[in-house]
C-alpha atoms as a PDB file:
ATOM      1  CA  UNK A   1      -2.903 -70.209   3.867  1.00  0.00           C
ATOM      2  CA  UNK A   2      -0.565 -68.780   1.204  1.00  0.00           C
ATOM      3  CA  UNK A   3      -1.912 -67.348  -2.053  1.00  0.00           C
ATOM      4  CA  UNK A   4      -0.448 -70.294  -4.001  1.00  0.00           C
ATOM      5  CA  UNK A   5      -2.188 -72.777  -1.701  1.00  0.00           C
ATOM      6  CA  UNK A   6      -5.465 -70.905  -2.113  1.00  0.00           C
ATOM      7  CA  UNK A   7      -5.187 -71.032  -5.905  1.00  0.00           C
ATOM      8  CA  UNK A   8      -4.453 -74.763  -5.872  1.00  0.00           C
ATOM      9  CA  UNK A   9      -7.337 -75.410  -3.462  1.00  0.00           C
ATOM     10  CA  UNK A  10      -9.743 -73.501  -5.719  1.00  0.00           C
ATOM     11  CA  UNK A  11      -8.573 -75.488  -8.754  1.00  0.00           C
ATOM     12  CA  UNK A  12      -9.162 -78.793  -6.953  1.00  0.00           C
ATOM     13  CA  UNK A  13     -12.556 -77.622  -5.657  1.00  0.00           C
ATOM     14  CA  UNK A  14     -13.618 -76.643  -9.179  1.00  0.00           C
ATOM     15  CA  UNK A  15     -12.597 -80.064 -10.436  1.00  0.00           C
ATOM     16  CA  UNK A  16     -14.610 -81.891  -7.772  1.00  0.00           C
ATOM     17  CA  UNK A  17     -17.643 -79.684  -8.456  1.00  0.00           C
ATOM     18  CA  UNK A  18     -17.431 -80.306 -12.214  1.00  0.00           C
ATOM     19  CA  UNK A  19     -17.078 -84.050 -11.661  1.00  0.00           C
ATOM     20  CA  UNK A  20     -20.157 -84.120  -9.396  1.00  0.00           C
ATOM     21  CA  UNK A  21     -22.247 -82.060 -11.813  1.00  0.00           C
ATOM     22  CA  UNK A  22     -21.467 -84.291 -14.767  1.00  0.00           C
ATOM     23  CA  UNK A  23     -22.091 -87.468 -12.773  1.00  0.00           C
ATOM     24  CA  UNK A  24     -25.702 -86.279 -12.398  1.00  0.00           C
ATOM     25  CA  UNK A  25     -26.172 -86.655 -16.165  1.00  0.00           C
ATOM     26  CA  UNK A  26     -25.997 -90.461 -16.150  1.00  0.00           C
ATOM     27  CA  UNK A  27     -27.980 -90.798 -19.331  1.00  0.00           C
ATOM     28  CA  UNK A  28     -25.167 -89.165 -21.355  1.00  0.00           C
ATOM     29  CA  UNK A  29     -22.248 -91.165 -19.937  1.00  0.00           C
ATOM     30  CA  UNK A  30     -19.845 -92.905 -22.323  1.00  0.00           C
ATOM     31  CA  UNK A  31     -16.291 -94.094 -21.779  1.00  0.00           C
ATOM     32  CA  UNK A  32     -13.240 -91.847 -21.841  1.00  0.00           C
ATOM     33  CA  UNK A  33     -10.720 -94.664 -21.458  1.00  0.00           C
ATOM     34  CA  UNK A  34      -8.209 -95.789 -24.040  1.00  0.00           C
ATOM     35  CA  UNK A  35      -5.587 -93.787 -25.910  1.00  0.00           C
ATOM     36  CA  UNK A  36      -6.357 -90.134 -26.615  1.00  0.00           C
ATOM     37  CA  UNK A  37      -4.735 -87.701 -29.035  1.00  0.00           C
ATOM     38  CA  UNK A  38      -5.494 -84.218 -27.705  1.00  0.00           C
ATOM     39  CA  UNK A  39      -5.156 -80.626 -28.883  1.00  0.00           C
ATOM     40  CA  UNK A  40      -4.791 -78.248 -25.899  1.00  0.00           C
ATOM     41  CA  UNK A  41      -5.355 -74.495 -26.178  1.00  0.00           C
ATOM     42  CA  UNK A  42      -4.074 -72.650 -23.122  1.00  0.00           C
ATOM     43  CA  UNK A  43      -3.571 -69.213 -21.579  1.00  0.00           C
ATOM     44  CA  UNK A  44      -1.342 -68.199 -18.701  1.00  0.00           C
ATOM     45  CA  UNK A  45      -0.129 -65.267 -16.655  1.00  0.00           C
ATOM     46  CA  UNK A  46       3.509 -65.491 -15.575  1.00  0.00           C
ATOM     47  CA  UNK A  47       5.813 -63.699 -13.161  1.00  0.00           C
ATOM     48  CA  UNK A  48       9.600 -63.535 -13.669  1.00  0.00           C
ATOM     49  CA  UNK A  49      12.387 -64.495 -11.306  1.00  0.00           C
ATOM     50  CA  UNK A  50      16.147 -64.762 -11.369  1.00  0.00           C
ATOM     51  CA  UNK A  51      17.876 -62.653 -14.013  1.00  0.00           C
ATOM     52  CA  UNK A  52      14.628 -62.267 -15.950  1.00  0.00           C
ATOM     53  CA  UNK A  53      13.145 -60.148 -13.138  1.00  0.00           C
ATOM     54  CA  UNK A  54      15.761 -57.472 -13.890  1.00  0.00           C
ATOM     55  CA  UNK A  55      14.533 -57.198 -17.471  1.00  0.00           C
ATOM     56  CA  UNK A  56      10.763 -57.748 -17.534  1.00  0.00           C
ATOM     57  CA  UNK A  57       7.689 -57.596 -15.347  1.00  0.00           C
ATOM     58  CA  UNK A  58       4.767 -60.002 -15.530  1.00  0.00           C
ATOM     59  CA  UNK A  59       3.716 -61.329 -18.926  1.00  0.00           C
ATOM     60  CA  UNK A  60       0.927 -63.245 -20.601  1.00  0.00           C
ATOM     61  CA  UNK A  61       1.413 -66.517 -22.433  1.00  0.00           C
ATOM     62  CA  UNK A  62      -0.658 -68.495 -24.911  1.00  0.00           C
ATOM     63  CA  UNK A  63       0.126 -71.968 -26.204  1.00  0.00           C
ATOM     64  CA  UNK A  64      -0.921 -74.758 -28.513  1.00  0.00           C
ATOM     65  CA  UNK A  65       0.334 -78.309 -28.518  1.00  0.00           C
ATOM     66  CA  UNK A  66      -0.280 -81.955 -29.261  1.00  0.00           C
ATOM     67  CA  UNK A  67      -0.712 -84.464 -26.444  1.00  0.00           C
ATOM     68  CA  UNK A  68      -0.891 -88.243 -26.425  1.00  0.00           C
ATOM     69  CA  UNK A  69      -2.510 -89.919 -23.416  1.00  0.00           C
ATOM     70  CA  UNK A  70      -1.890 -93.644 -23.093  1.00  0.00           C
ATOM     71  CA  UNK A  71      -4.373 -95.998 -21.462  1.00  0.00           C
ATOM     72  CA  UNK A  72      -2.009 -96.161 -18.478  1.00  0.00           C
ATOM     73  CA  UNK A  73      -2.431 -92.360 -18.047  1.00  0.00           C
ATOM     74  CA  UNK A  74       1.128 -91.592 -19.066  1.00  0.00           C
ATOM     75  CA  UNK A  75       1.243 -88.499 -21.255  1.00  0.00           C
ATOM     76  CA  UNK A  76       3.602 -87.145 -23.932  1.00  0.00           C
ATOM     77  CA  UNK A  77       3.383 -83.647 -25.369  1.00  0.00           C
ATOM     78  CA  UNK A  78       4.994 -81.279 -27.843  1.00  0.00           C
ATOM     79  CA  UNK A  79       4.149 -77.635 -27.280  1.00  0.00           C
ATOM     80  CA  UNK A  80       4.786 -74.102 -28.474  1.00  0.00           C
ATOM     81  CA  UNK A  81       4.194 -71.058 -26.274  1.00  0.00           C
ATOM     82  CA  UNK A  82       4.213 -67.343 -27.103  1.00  0.00           C
ATOM     83  CA  UNK A  83       5.226 -64.862 -24.400  1.00  0.00           C
ATOM     84  CA  UNK A  84       4.157 -61.220 -24.578  1.00  0.00           C
ATOM     85  CA  UNK A  85       4.171 -58.348 -22.108  1.00  0.00           C
ATOM     86  CA  UNK A  86       4.350 -54.576 -21.775  1.00  0.00           C
ATOM     87  CA  UNK A  87       6.607 -54.224 -18.733  1.00  0.00           C
ATOM     88  CA  UNK A  88      10.238 -53.661 -19.770  1.00  0.00           C
ATOM     89  CA  UNK A  89      12.517 -52.551 -16.935  1.00  0.00           C
ATOM     90  CA  UNK A  90      15.773 -51.286 -18.528  1.00  0.00           C
ATOM     91  CA  UNK A  91      15.398 -48.266 -20.793  1.00  0.00           C
ATOM     92  CA  UNK A  92      17.690 -49.522 -23.538  1.00  0.00           C
ATOM     93  CA  UNK A  93      16.899 -46.437 -25.636  1.00  0.00           C
ATOM     94  CA  UNK A  94      18.136 -43.980 -22.989  1.00  0.00           C
ATOM     95  CA  UNK A  95      21.163 -42.902 -25.115  1.00  0.00           C
ATOM     96  CA  UNK A  96      18.762 -41.762 -27.852  1.00  0.00           C
ATOM     97  CA  UNK A  97      16.596 -39.622 -25.584  1.00  0.00           C
ATOM     98  CA  UNK A  98      16.812 -35.887 -25.047  1.00  0.00           C
ATOM     99  CA  UNK A  99      17.124 -34.534 -21.475  1.00  0.00           C
ATOM    100  CA  UNK A 100      13.325 -34.273 -21.506  1.00  0.00           C
ATOM    101  CA  UNK A 101      12.997 -37.958 -22.435  1.00  0.00           C
ATOM    102  CA  UNK A 102      12.028 -37.603 -26.116  1.00  0.00           C
ATOM    103  CA  UNK A 103      13.306 -39.577 -29.097  1.00  0.00           C
ATOM    104  CA  UNK A 104      13.261 -37.429 -32.228  1.00  0.00           C
ATOM    105  CA  UNK A 105      12.409 -38.550 -35.751  1.00  0.00           C
ATOM    106  CA  UNK A 106      14.156 -37.431 -38.922  1.00  0.00           C
ATOM    107  CA  UNK A 107      11.666 -34.565 -39.343  1.00  0.00           C
ATOM    108  CA  UNK A 108      12.625 -33.093 -35.971  1.00  0.00           C
ATOM    109  CA  UNK A 109       9.425 -34.101 -34.206  1.00  0.00           C
ATOM    110  CA  UNK A 110       9.128 -36.537 -31.300  1.00  0.00           C
ATOM    111  CA  UNK A 111       8.550 -40.210 -32.102  1.00  0.00           C
ATOM    112  CA  UNK A 112       6.403 -42.493 -29.982  1.00  0.00           C
ATOM    113  CA  UNK A 113       8.621 -45.556 -29.519  1.00  0.00           C
ATOM    114  CA  UNK A 114       7.410 -48.306 -27.188  1.00  0.00           C
ATOM    115  CA  UNK A 115       9.282 -51.217 -25.617  1.00  0.00           C
ATOM    116  CA  UNK A 116       7.589 -54.595 -25.268  1.00  0.00           C
ATOM    117  CA  UNK A 117       8.477 -58.119 -24.149  1.00  0.00           C
ATOM    118  CA  UNK A 118       8.331 -60.918 -26.710  1.00  0.00           C
ATOM    119  CA  UNK A 119       9.443 -64.524 -26.506  1.00  0.00           C
ATOM    120  CA  UNK A 120       8.612 -68.159 -27.005  1.00  0.00           C
ATOM    121  CA  UNK A 121       9.020 -71.654 -25.624  1.00  0.00           C
ATOM    122  CA  UNK A 122       9.290 -74.708 -27.866  1.00  0.00           C
ATOM    123  CA  UNK A 123       9.668 -78.089 -26.234  1.00  0.00           C
ATOM    124  CA  UNK A 124       8.425 -81.525 -25.245  1.00  0.00           C
ATOM    125  CA  UNK A 125       7.121 -82.970 -21.987  1.00  0.00           C
ATOM    126  CA  UNK A 126       6.323 -86.294 -20.386  1.00  0.00           C
ATOM    127  CA  UNK A 127       3.908 -86.672 -17.523  1.00  0.00           C
ATOM    128  CA  UNK A 128       1.463 -88.767 -15.571  1.00  0.00           C
ATOM    129  CA  UNK A 129      -2.152 -88.386 -14.474  1.00  0.00           C
ATOM    130  CA  UNK A 130      -3.115 -89.634 -11.002  1.00  0.00           C
ATOM    131  CA  UNK A 131      -6.892 -90.248 -10.953  1.00  0.00           C
ATOM    132  CA  UNK A 132      -8.984 -88.977  -8.056  1.00  0.00           C
ATOM    133  CA  UNK A 133     -12.280 -90.685  -8.917  1.00  0.00           C
ATOM    134  CA  UNK A 134     -12.904 -94.454  -9.156  1.00  0.00           C
ATOM    135  CA  UNK A 135     -15.397 -94.076 -12.006  1.00  0.00           C
ATOM    136  CA  UNK A 136     -13.335 -91.577 -14.026  1.00  0.00           C
ATOM    137  CA  UNK A 137      -9.722 -92.557 -14.610  1.00  0.00           C
ATOM    138  CA  UNK A 138      -9.020 -89.463 -16.727  1.00  0.00           C
ATOM    139  CA  UNK A 139      -9.681 -86.830 -14.048  1.00  0.00           C
ATOM    140  CA  UNK A 140      -7.206 -86.072 -11.306  1.00  0.00           C
ATOM    141  CA  UNK A 141      -3.815 -84.601 -10.479  1.00  0.00           C
ATOM    142  CA  UNK A 142      -1.618 -84.038 -13.515  1.00  0.00           C
ATOM    143  CA  UNK A 143       2.166 -83.722 -13.271  1.00  0.00           C
ATOM    144  CA  UNK A 144       4.677 -83.277 -16.093  1.00  0.00           C
ATOM    145  CA  UNK A 145       8.335 -82.468 -16.763  1.00  0.00           C
ATOM    146  CA  UNK A 146       9.642 -80.927 -19.968  1.00  0.00           C
ATOM    147  CA  UNK A 147      12.667 -79.516 -21.760  1.00  0.00           C
ATOM    148  CA  UNK A 148      13.070 -77.231 -24.742  1.00  0.00           C
ATOM    149  CA  UNK A 149      14.199 -73.833 -26.002  1.00  0.00           C
ATOM    150  CA  UNK A 150      13.338 -70.617 -24.147  1.00  0.00           C
ATOM    151  CA  UNK A 151      13.859 -67.312 -25.964  1.00  0.00           C
ATOM    152  CA  UNK A 152      13.006 -63.704 -25.132  1.00  0.00           C
ATOM    153  CA  UNK A 153      13.875 -60.231 -26.338  1.00  0.00           C
ATOM    154  CA  UNK A 154      12.866 -56.583 -26.118  1.00  0.00           C
ATOM    155  CA  UNK A 155      10.636 -55.605 -29.011  1.00  0.00           C
ATOM    156  CA  UNK A 156      11.204 -52.020 -30.170  1.00  0.00           C
ATOM    157  CA  UNK A 157       7.844 -50.893 -31.502  1.00  0.00           C
ATOM    158  CA  UNK A 158       8.156 -48.130 -34.088  1.00  0.00           C
ATOM    159  CA  UNK A 159       5.979 -45.077 -34.434  1.00  0.00           C
ATOM    160  CA  UNK A 160       4.140 -45.694 -37.749  1.00  0.00           C
ATOM    161  CA  UNK A 161       4.075 -41.938 -38.432  1.00  0.00           C
ATOM    162  CA  UNK A 162       7.695 -41.150 -37.629  1.00  0.00           C
ATOM    163  CA  UNK A 163      11.028 -42.503 -38.852  1.00  0.00           C
ATOM    164  CA  UNK A 164      13.999 -42.698 -36.484  1.00  0.00           C
ATOM    165  CA  UNK A 165      17.232 -43.376 -38.438  1.00  0.00           C
ATOM    166  CA  UNK A 166      18.987 -44.718 -35.329  1.00  0.00           C
ATOM    167  CA  UNK A 167      16.358 -47.461 -35.078  1.00  0.00           C
ATOM    168  CA  UNK A 168      16.676 -49.017 -38.492  1.00  0.00           C
ATOM    169  CA  UNK A 169      16.200 -52.822 -38.396  1.00  0.00           C
ATOM    170  CA  UNK A 170      19.921 -53.580 -38.402  1.00  0.00           C
ATOM    171  CA  UNK A 171      20.498 -51.084 -35.556  1.00  0.00           C
ATOM    172  CA  UNK A 172      17.699 -52.458 -33.364  1.00  0.00           C
ATOM    173  CA  UNK A 173      19.726 -55.623 -32.810  1.00  0.00           C
ATOM    174  CA  UNK A 174      22.057 -53.597 -30.605  1.00  0.00           C
ATOM    175  CA  UNK A 175      19.196 -52.797 -28.247  1.00  0.00           C
ATOM    176  CA  UNK A 176      16.867 -55.827 -28.285  1.00  0.00           C
ATOM    177  CA  UNK A 177      18.770 -58.110 -25.831  1.00  0.00           C
ATOM    178  CA  UNK A 178      17.951 -61.272 -27.807  1.00  0.00           C
ATOM    179  CA  UNK A 179      18.505 -64.132 -25.361  1.00  0.00           C
ATOM    180  CA  UNK A 180      17.887 -67.881 -25.524  1.00  0.00           C
ATOM    181  CA  UNK A 181      19.020 -71.242 -24.247  1.00  0.00           C
ATOM    182  CA  UNK A 182      18.019 -74.563 -22.758  1.00  0.00           C
ATOM    183  CA  UNK A 183      14.818 -74.471 -20.740  1.00  0.00           C
ATOM    184  CA  UNK A 184      13.174 -76.816 -18.244  1.00  0.00           C
ATOM    185  CA  UNK A 185       9.468 -76.835 -17.376  1.00  0.00           C
ATOM    186  CA  UNK A 186       7.336 -78.394 -14.643  1.00  0.00           C
ATOM    187  CA  UNK A 187       3.549 -78.426 -14.293  1.00  0.00           C
ATOM    188  CA  UNK A 188       1.240 -79.634 -11.523  1.00  0.00           C
ATOM    189  CA  UNK A 189      -2.498 -79.145 -11.489  1.00  0.00           C
ATOM    190  CA  UNK A 190      -5.924 -80.644 -11.995  1.00  0.00           C
ATOM    191  CA  UNK A 191      -7.179 -82.232 -15.238  1.00  0.00           C
ATOM    192  CA  UNK A 192     -10.792 -83.093 -16.018  1.00  0.00           C
ATOM    193  CA  UNK A 193     -11.981 -85.318 -18.881  1.00  0.00           C
ATOM    194  CA  UNK A 194     -15.746 -85.778 -18.662  1.00  0.00           C
ATOM    195  CA  UNK A 195     -17.250 -89.212 -19.240  1.00  0.00           C
ATOM    196  CA  UNK A 196     -19.423 -87.760 -22.001  1.00  0.00           C
ATOM    197  CA  UNK A 197     -16.227 -86.314 -23.568  1.00  0.00           C
ATOM    198  CA  UNK A 198     -17.627 -82.793 -23.856  1.00  0.00           C
ATOM    199  CA  UNK A 199     -15.969 -80.973 -20.942  1.00  0.00           C
ATOM    200  CA  UNK A 200     -12.195 -81.340 -20.963  1.00  0.00           C
ATOM    201  CA  UNK A 201      -9.783 -78.907 -19.325  1.00  0.00           C
ATOM    202  CA  UNK A 202      -6.824 -78.545 -17.024  1.00  0.00           C
ATOM    203  CA  UNK A 203      -5.531 -75.836 -14.705  1.00  0.00           C
ATOM    204  CA  UNK A 204      -2.537 -75.536 -12.464  1.00  0.00           C
ATOM    205  CA  UNK A 205       0.856 -74.106 -11.650  1.00  0.00           C
ATOM    206  CA  UNK A 206       3.749 -73.986 -14.104  1.00  0.00           C
ATOM    207  CA  UNK A 207       7.428 -73.365 -13.444  1.00  0.00           C
ATOM    208  CA  UNK A 208      10.131 -72.654 -16.043  1.00  0.00           C
ATOM    209  CA  UNK A 209      13.918 -72.338 -15.760  1.00  0.00           C
ATOM    210  CA  UNK A 210      16.002 -71.015 -18.638  1.00  0.00           C
ATOM    211  CA  UNK A 211      19.788 -71.472 -18.798  1.00  0.00           C
ATOM    212  CA  UNK A 212      20.304 -68.714 -21.318  1.00  0.00           C
ATOM    213  CA  UNK A 213      22.815 -66.315 -22.804  1.00  0.00           C
ATOM    214  CA  UNK A 214      22.732 -63.172 -24.929  1.00  0.00           C
ATOM    215  CA  UNK A 215      22.872 -63.862 -28.669  1.00  0.00           C
ATOM    216  CA  UNK A 216      23.961 -60.343 -29.627  1.00  0.00           C
ATOM    217  CA  UNK A 217      27.632 -59.466 -30.006  1.00  0.00           C
ATOM    218  CA  UNK A 218      27.194 -55.905 -28.747  1.00  0.00           C
ATOM    219  CA  UNK A 219      24.758 -53.904 -26.605  1.00  0.00           C
ATOM    220  CA  UNK A 220      24.785 -50.450 -28.167  1.00  0.00           C
ATOM    221  CA  UNK A 221      23.286 -48.642 -25.171  1.00  0.00           C
ATOM    222  CA  UNK A 222      25.898 -50.091 -22.786  1.00  0.00           C
ATOM    223  CA  UNK A 223      28.772 -49.886 -25.274  1.00  0.00           C
ATOM    224  CA  UNK A 224      29.771 -53.383 -24.170  1.00  0.00           C
ATOM    225  CA  UNK A 225      29.283 -57.041 -24.953  1.00  0.00           C
ATOM    226  CA  UNK A 226      27.351 -59.391 -22.649  1.00  0.00           C
ATOM    227  CA  UNK A 227      28.778 -62.900 -22.347  1.00  0.00           C
ATOM    228  CA  UNK A 228      27.361 -63.755 -18.927  1.00  0.00           C
ATOM    229  CA  UNK A 229      25.379 -66.923 -18.305  1.00  0.00           C
ATOM    230  CA  UNK A 230      21.840 -66.283 -17.094  1.00  0.00           C
ATOM    231  CA  UNK A 231      19.209 -68.074 -15.033  1.00  0.00           C
ATOM    232  CA  UNK A 232      15.777 -66.913 -16.203  1.00  0.00           C
ATOM    233  CA  UNK A 233      12.811 -68.077 -14.118  1.00  0.00           C
ATOM    234  CA  UNK A 234       9.073 -67.950 -14.778  1.00  0.00           C
ATOM    235  CA  UNK A 235       6.217 -68.905 -12.480  1.00  0.00           C
ATOM    236  CA  UNK A 236       2.680 -68.995 -13.844  1.00  0.00           C
ATOM    237  CA  UNK A 237      -0.922 -70.093 -13.532  1.00  0.00           C
ATOM    238  CA  UNK A 238      -2.092 -71.911 -16.667  1.00  0.00           C
ATOM    239  CA  UNK A 239      -5.632 -72.712 -17.813  1.00  0.00           C
ATOM    240  CA  UNK A 240      -6.288 -74.938 -20.814  1.00  0.00           C
ATOM    241  CA  UNK A 241      -9.190 -76.298 -22.848  1.00  0.00           C
ATOM    242  CA  UNK A 242      -8.593 -79.691 -24.459  1.00  0.00           C
ATOM    243  CA  UNK A 243     -10.012 -81.055 -27.718  1.00  0.00           C
ATOM    244  CA  UNK A 244      -9.744 -84.877 -27.419  1.00  0.00           C
ATOM    245  CA  UNK A 245      -9.686 -87.384 -30.267  1.00  0.00           C
ATOM    246  CA  UNK A 246     -10.249 -90.890 -28.929  1.00  0.00           C
ATOM    247  CA  UNK A 247      -8.259 -93.675 -30.584  1.00  0.00           C
ATOM    248  CA  UNK A 248      -9.029 -97.360 -30.808  1.00  0.00           C
ATOM    249  CA  UNK A 249     -11.832 -98.877 -28.733  1.00  0.00           C
ATOM    250  CA  UNK A 250     -14.643 -96.504 -27.934  1.00  0.00           C
ATOM    251  CA  UNK A 251     -13.355 -94.011 -30.456  1.00  0.00           C
ATOM    252  CA  UNK A 252     -16.344 -94.004 -32.762  1.00  0.00           C
ATOM    253  CA  UNK A 253     -17.203 -90.402 -31.909  1.00  0.00           C
ATOM    254  CA  UNK A 254     -15.290 -87.212 -31.260  1.00  0.00           C
ATOM    255  CA  UNK A 255     -16.792 -84.418 -29.159  1.00  0.00           C
ATOM    256  CA  UNK A 256     -15.489 -80.884 -28.794  1.00  0.00           C
END
């Protein structure tokens, strides 16, 4: 069995175990049907592919959004994600380094300059939940498709105790590889909404495709412009905790 299959099997097994454990608490059962406005808080680890794999290694990702679940189990969502990582592959500051690899500050001493990955996703999704349990219509396989804006860049992190004139804010733009464009996103995983409304989460696999382009006129380190179209890919495992607010019938209480 592949590693992806193992992860998905563990997610499903955890969902079945949680469902069984909560079913044992029959005295606390209420209804989780009806429309739900939900606030998801999520965390993910992602791996790059396509052109993005030539620029960054793996990254972490945190998100917040607003989801609306209809009684029919159709779902709509708006979401913002922040991408951050420490693995930057091209040394865009190579022209500023000495043969020994140092970047010198204005006082003649070496400066500790770090390169980091930063980015974001802002978009909307539509999806559907396919229940797995006859007595809980809000727990099962969740699938969604989305579109939005994907952006990433190289963050040049200054040394707070050293000033490098060549890395003034206006000069950093020549090194940061600011890139953005249309993005697509797919998610498939397991969602659990407990009948007592107190345990609500989802976990699964997420895929992103960015049809991007450089937004800088000039790359200083390459002494050239970059007008090429890019295909930036991300594959990740996402875990999320959901704060539900039940609307309409049965919505007299909110648990979180």
